[in-house]
Amino acid sequence: MAVAVVSIAAQPLADWPMLERLAAALVYPLGFVVCLMSGAEL
């Protein structure tokens, strides 16, 4: 779901597809960090 949110938020970056890919790629490690900081089990 987070990837979908970033994809929609990055639509104005459609002129620069590499920035759109970079934004989507940063979602995964960010979600992992948030999960670790919240103390949730993986």
PDB file of N, CA and C in Angstrom:
ATOM      1  N   MET A   1       0.819  -1.183   0.000  1.00  0.00           N
ATOM      2  CA  MET A   1       0.000   0.000   0.000  1.00  0.00           C
ATOM      3  C   MET A   1       0.871   1.259   0.000  1.00  0.00           C
ATOM      4  N   ALA A   2       1.968   1.207   0.712  1.00  0.00           N
ATOM      5  CA  ALA A   2       2.850   2.378   0.746  1.00  0.00           C
ATOM      6  C   ALA A   2       3.416   2.676  -0.635  1.00  0.00           C
ATOM      7  N   VAL A   3       3.681   1.628  -1.404  1.00  0.00           N
ATOM      8  CA  VAL A   3       4.207   1.837  -2.757  1.00  0.00           C
ATOM      9  C   VAL A   3       3.165   2.528  -3.623  1.00  0.00           C
ATOM     10  N   ALA A   4       1.908   2.167  -3.440  1.00  0.00           N
ATOM     11  CA  ALA A   4       0.836   2.804  -4.211  1.00  0.00           C
ATOM     12  C   ALA A   4       0.734   4.284  -3.863  1.00  0.00           C
ATOM     13  N   VAL A   5       0.864   4.614  -2.589  1.00  0.00           N
ATOM     14  CA  VAL A   5       0.797   6.014  -2.168  1.00  0.00           C
ATOM     15  C   VAL A   5       1.948   6.803  -2.775  1.00  0.00           C
ATOM     16  N   VAL A   6       3.142   6.232  -2.747  1.00  0.00           N
ATOM     17  CA  VAL A   6       4.299   6.926  -3.332  1.00  0.00           C
ATOM     18  C   VAL A   6       4.147   7.038  -4.842  1.00  0.00           C
ATOM     19  N   SER A   7       3.605   6.015  -5.477  1.00  0.00           N
ATOM     20  CA  SER A   7       3.414   6.076  -6.926  1.00  0.00           C
ATOM     21  C   SER A   7       2.465   7.207  -7.306  1.00  0.00           C
ATOM     22  N   ILE A   8       1.410   7.361  -6.527  1.00  0.00           N
ATOM     23  CA  ILE A   8       0.463   8.445  -6.806  1.00  0.00           C
ATOM     24  C   ILE A   8       1.101   9.795  -6.504  1.00  0.00           C
ATOM     25  N   ALA A   9       1.847   9.870  -5.400  1.00  0.00           N
ATOM     26  CA  ALA A   9       2.488  11.138  -5.037  1.00  0.00           C
ATOM     27  C   ALA A   9       3.580  11.514  -6.025  1.00  0.00           C
ATOM     28  N   ALA A  10       4.184  10.526  -6.678  1.00  0.00           N
ATOM     29  CA  ALA A  10       5.282  10.793  -7.605  1.00  0.00           C
ATOM     30  C   ALA A  10       4.805  11.011  -9.035  1.00  0.00           C
ATOM     31  N   GLN A  11       3.523  11.011  -9.271  1.00  0.00           N
ATOM     32  CA  GLN A  11       3.027  11.214 -10.632  1.00  0.00           C
ATOM     33  C   GLN A  11       3.465  12.547 -11.239  1.00  0.00           C
ATOM     34  N   PRO A  12       3.573  13.619 -10.457  1.00  0.00           N
ATOM     35  CA  PRO A  12       4.092  14.858 -11.068  1.00  0.00           C
ATOM     36  C   PRO A  12       5.534  14.719 -11.557  1.00  0.00           C
ATOM     37  N   LEU A  13       6.233  13.688 -11.102  1.00  0.00           N
ATOM     38  CA  LEU A  13       7.609  13.461 -11.550  1.00  0.00           C
ATOM     39  C   LEU A  13       7.671  12.615 -12.818  1.00  0.00           C
ATOM     40  N   ALA A  14       6.568  12.493 -13.516  1.00  0.00           N
ATOM     41  CA  ALA A  14       6.501  11.624 -14.687  1.00  0.00           C
ATOM     42  C   ALA A  14       7.506  12.024 -15.766  1.00  0.00           C
ATOM     43  N   ASP A  15       7.913  13.288 -15.765  1.00  0.00           N
ATOM     44  CA  ASP A  15       8.905  13.723 -16.751  1.00  0.00           C
ATOM     45  C   ASP A  15      10.280  13.137 -16.469  1.00  0.00           C
ATOM     46  N   TRP A  16      10.512  12.755 -15.212  1.00  0.00           N
ATOM     47  CA  TRP A  16      11.778  12.153 -14.798  1.00  0.00           C
ATOM     48  C   TRP A  16      11.504  10.768 -14.228  1.00  0.00           C
ATOM     49  N   PRO A  17      11.435   9.745 -15.074  1.00  0.00           N
ATOM     50  CA  PRO A  17      11.073   8.407 -14.597  1.00  0.00           C
ATOM     51  C   PRO A  17      12.058   7.842 -13.574  1.00  0.00           C
ATOM     52  N   MET A  18      13.313   8.266 -13.632  1.00  0.00           N
ATOM     53  CA  MET A  18      14.278   7.737 -12.661  1.00  0.00           C
ATOM     54  C   MET A  18      13.969   8.246 -11.252  1.00  0.00           C
ATOM     55  N   LEU A  19      13.517   9.490 -11.122  1.00  0.00           N
ATOM     56  CA  LEU A  19      13.140  10.009  -9.807  1.00  0.00           C
ATOM     57  C   LEU A  19      11.915   9.292  -9.263  1.00  0.00           C
ATOM     58  N   GLU A  20      10.997   8.941 -10.154  1.00  0.00           N
ATOM     59  CA  GLU A  20       9.807   8.208  -9.735  1.00  0.00           C
ATOM     60  C   GLU A  20      10.197   6.815  -9.219  1.00  0.00           C
ATOM     61  N   ARG A  21      11.119   6.164  -9.902  1.00  0.00           N
ATOM     62  CA  ARG A  21      11.604   4.852  -9.451  1.00  0.00           C
ATOM     63  C   ARG A  21      12.352   4.962  -8.134  1.00  0.00           C
ATOM     64  N   LEU A  22      13.133   6.023  -7.990  1.00  0.00           N
ATOM     65  CA  LEU A  22      13.891   6.223  -6.760  1.00  0.00           C
ATOM     66  C   LEU A  22      12.954   6.430  -5.571  1.00  0.00           C
ATOM     67  N   ALA A  23      11.906   7.202  -5.776  1.00  0.00           N
ATOM     68  CA  ALA A  23      10.939   7.437  -4.702  1.00  0.00           C
ATOM     69  C   ALA A  23      10.269   6.129  -4.286  1.00  0.00           C
ATOM     70  N   ALA A  24       9.912   5.300  -5.256  1.00  0.00           N
ATOM     71  CA  ALA A  24       9.288   4.013  -4.928  1.00  0.00           C
ATOM     72  C   ALA A  24      10.287   3.080  -4.258  1.00  0.00           C
ATOM     73  N   ALA A  25      11.542   3.133  -4.663  1.00  0.00           N
ATOM     74  CA  ALA A  25      12.551   2.254  -4.069  1.00  0.00           C
ATOM     75  C   ALA A  25      12.855   2.634  -2.628  1.00  0.00           C
ATOM     76  N   LEU A  26      12.711   3.900  -2.275  1.00  0.00           N
ATOM     77  CA  LEU A  26      12.992   4.339  -0.910  1.00  0.00           C
ATOM     78  C   LEU A  26      11.892   3.944   0.073  1.00  0.00           C
ATOM     79  N   VAL A  27      10.735   3.555  -0.435  1.00  0.00           N
ATOM     80  CA  VAL A  27       9.627   3.180   0.448  1.00  0.00           C
ATOM     81  C   VAL A  27       9.960   1.915   1.226  1.00  0.00           C
ATOM     82  N   TYR A  28      10.595   0.951   0.590  1.00  0.00           N
ATOM     83  CA  TYR A  28      10.828  -0.338   1.235  1.00  0.00           C
ATOM     84  C   TYR A  28      11.750  -0.226   2.450  1.00  0.00           C
ATOM     85  N   PRO A  29      12.932   0.389   2.345  1.00  0.00           N
ATOM     86  CA  PRO A  29      13.761   0.501   3.550  1.00  0.00           C
ATOM     87  C   PRO A  29      13.137   1.399   4.613  1.00  0.00           C
ATOM     88  N   LEU A  30      12.408   2.419   4.199  1.00  0.00           N
ATOM     89  CA  LEU A  30      11.754   3.296   5.160  1.00  0.00           C
ATOM     90  C   LEU A  30      10.714   2.525   5.969  1.00  0.00           C
ATOM     91  N   GLY A  31       9.948   1.671   5.306  1.00  0.00           N
ATOM     92  CA  GLY A  31       8.966   0.849   6.008  1.00  0.00           C
ATOM     93  C   GLY A  31       9.627  -0.107   6.982  1.00  0.00           C
ATOM     94  N   PHE A  32      10.774  -0.632   6.604  1.00  0.00           N
ATOM     95  CA  PHE A  32      11.503  -1.542   7.481  1.00  0.00           C
ATOM     96  C   PHE A  32      11.986  -0.814   8.730  1.00  0.00           C
ATOM     97  N   VAL A  33      12.500   0.398   8.563  1.00  0.00           N
ATOM     98  CA  VAL A  33      12.978   1.193   9.699  1.00  0.00           C
ATOM     99  C   VAL A  33      11.821   1.538  10.626  1.00  0.00           C
ATOM    100  N   VAL A  34      10.697   1.924  10.072  1.00  0.00           N
ATOM    101  CA  VAL A  34       9.528   2.258  10.900  1.00  0.00           C
ATOM    102  C   VAL A  34       9.068   1.036  11.677  1.00  0.00           C
ATOM    103  N   CYS A  35       9.097  -0.121  11.034  1.00  0.00           N
ATOM    104  CA  CYS A  35       8.701  -1.365  11.700  1.00  0.00           C
ATOM    105  C   CYS A  35       9.638  -1.667  12.861  1.00  0.00           C
ATOM    106  N   LEU A  36      10.932  -1.494  12.659  1.00  0.00           N
ATOM    107  CA  LEU A  36      11.892  -1.753  13.726  1.00  0.00           C
ATOM    108  C   LEU A  36      11.742  -0.753  14.881  1.00  0.00           C
ATOM    109  N   MET A  37      11.530   0.502  14.542  1.00  0.00           N
ATOM    110  CA  MET A  37      11.416   1.519  15.584  1.00  0.00           C
ATOM    111  C   MET A  37      10.132   1.367  16.389  1.00  0.00           C
ATOM    112  N   SER A  38       9.097   0.816  15.787  1.00  0.00           N
ATOM    113  CA  SER A  38       7.827   0.660  16.502  1.00  0.00           C
ATOM    114  C   SER A  38       7.856  -0.551  17.426  1.00  0.00           C
ATOM    115  N   GLY A  39       8.841  -1.415  17.271  1.00  0.00           N
ATOM    116  CA  GLY A  39       8.933  -2.601  18.116  1.00  0.00           C
ATOM    117  C   GLY A  39       8.072  -3.748  17.644  1.00  0.00           C
ATOM    118  N   ALA A  40       7.532  -3.628  16.459  1.00  0.00           N
ATOM    119  CA  ALA A  40       6.696  -4.701  15.921  1.00  0.00           C
ATOM    120  C   ALA A  40       7.566  -5.876  15.485  1.00  0.00           C
ATOM    121  N   GLU A  41       7.008  -7.054  15.547  1.00  0.00           N
ATOM    122  CA  GLU A  41       7.743  -8.226  15.095  1.00  0.00           C
ATOM    123  C   GLU A  41       7.552  -8.386  13.599  1.00  0.00           C
ATOM    124  N   LEU A  42       8.601  -8.825  12.943  1.00  0.00           N
ATOM    125  CA  LEU A  42       8.534  -9.019  11.487  1.00  0.00           C
ATOM    126  C   LEU A  42       7.974 -10.376  11.171  1.00  0.00           C
TER     127      LEU A  42
END
